[in-house]
């Protein structure tokens, strides 16, 4: 994965979350759970690192903003 950009954590309440999971489905479920609570910039794909098990997914959260009600 690319390095985390300073802008993504420039202020209190901003967070970068990296999910490691056995498969795409699990990673996306975790992302959706985060998105139900906070404003989240969603990832549309996972990454497989050669030589490492499973997949990785990175999403960006703004803990200062609650997610919009469904």
Protein backbone atom coordinates (compact mmCIF):
# COMPACT_ATOMS: atom_id res chain seq x y z
CA UNK A 1 0.00 0.00 0.00
CA UNK A 2 1.06 3.57 -0.55
CA UNK A 3 2.26 5.64 2.43
CA UNK A 4 -0.39 7.53 4.38
CA UNK A 5 -0.74 11.14 3.21
CA UNK A 6 -0.26 13.84 5.89
CA UNK A 7 -3.58 15.43 4.87
CA UNK A 8 -5.48 12.30 5.93
CA UNK A 9 -4.40 12.75 9.56
CA UNK A 10 -3.80 16.51 9.65
CA UNK A 11 -6.38 17.22 12.38
CA UNK A 12 -7.73 15.48 15.47
CA UNK A 13 -10.68 13.30 14.51
CA UNK A 14 -9.29 12.19 11.15
CA UNK A 15 -8.16 8.57 10.90
CA UNK A 16 -6.83 6.08 8.43
CA UNK A 17 -7.98 2.52 9.02
CA UNK A 18 -6.24 -0.41 7.39
CA UNK A 19 -8.12 -3.69 7.47
CA UNK A 20 -6.37 -7.01 7.02
CA UNK A 21 -8.76 -9.88 6.30
CA UNK A 22 -8.79 -13.37 4.85
CA UNK A 23 -10.93 -12.32 1.89
CA UNK A 24 -12.53 -9.38 0.07
CA UNK A 25 -15.98 -10.00 1.52
CA UNK A 26 -14.75 -9.79 5.11
CA UNK A 27 -12.74 -6.62 4.45
CA UNK A 28 -15.73 -4.88 2.86
CA UNK A 29 -18.05 -5.91 5.73
CA UNK A 30 -15.67 -4.31 8.23
CA UNK A 31 -15.56 -1.15 6.10
CA UNK A 32 -19.36 -1.02 5.96
CA UNK A 33 -19.58 -1.35 9.75
CA UNK A 34 -17.27 1.65 10.14
CA UNK A 35 -19.31 3.60 7.58
CA UNK A 36 -22.52 3.08 9.55
CA UNK A 37 -21.06 5.12 12.39
CA UNK A 38 -18.77 7.77 10.86
CA UNK A 39 -18.28 9.68 7.64
CA UNK A 40 -16.04 7.37 5.63
CA UNK A 41 -14.26 7.59 2.31
CA UNK A 42 -14.87 4.06 1.09
CA UNK A 43 -12.37 1.90 -0.74
CA UNK A 44 -13.63 0.17 -3.88
CA UNK A 45 -11.01 -2.58 -3.97
CA UNK A 46 -8.69 -4.58 -1.78
CA UNK A 47 -4.96 -5.13 -2.25
CA UNK A 48 -3.07 -8.41 -2.15
CA UNK A 49 0.56 -8.08 -1.10
CA UNK A 50 2.82 -10.76 -2.60
CA UNK A 51 4.03 -13.15 0.07
CA UNK A 52 1.48 -11.96 2.66
CA UNK A 53 -1.73 -13.79 3.56
CA UNK A 54 -5.19 -12.38 2.85
CA UNK A 55 -6.12 -8.94 1.58
CA UNK A 56 -5.79 -5.38 2.82
CA UNK A 57 -8.16 -2.45 2.51
CA UNK A 58 -7.62 1.17 3.55
CA UNK A 59 -10.43 3.63 4.29
CA UNK A 60 -10.45 7.14 5.69
CA UNK A 61 -12.68 8.21 8.58
CA UNK A 62 -13.78 11.55 9.89
CA UNK A 63 -14.73 10.85 13.48
CA UNK A 64 -15.99 14.43 13.85
CA UNK A 65 -18.94 13.64 11.55
CA UNK A 66 -21.51 11.00 12.31
CA UNK A 67 -22.74 8.99 9.35
CA UNK A 68 -25.98 10.15 7.74
CA UNK A 69 -28.98 8.16 8.99
CA UNK A 70 -30.07 5.42 6.62
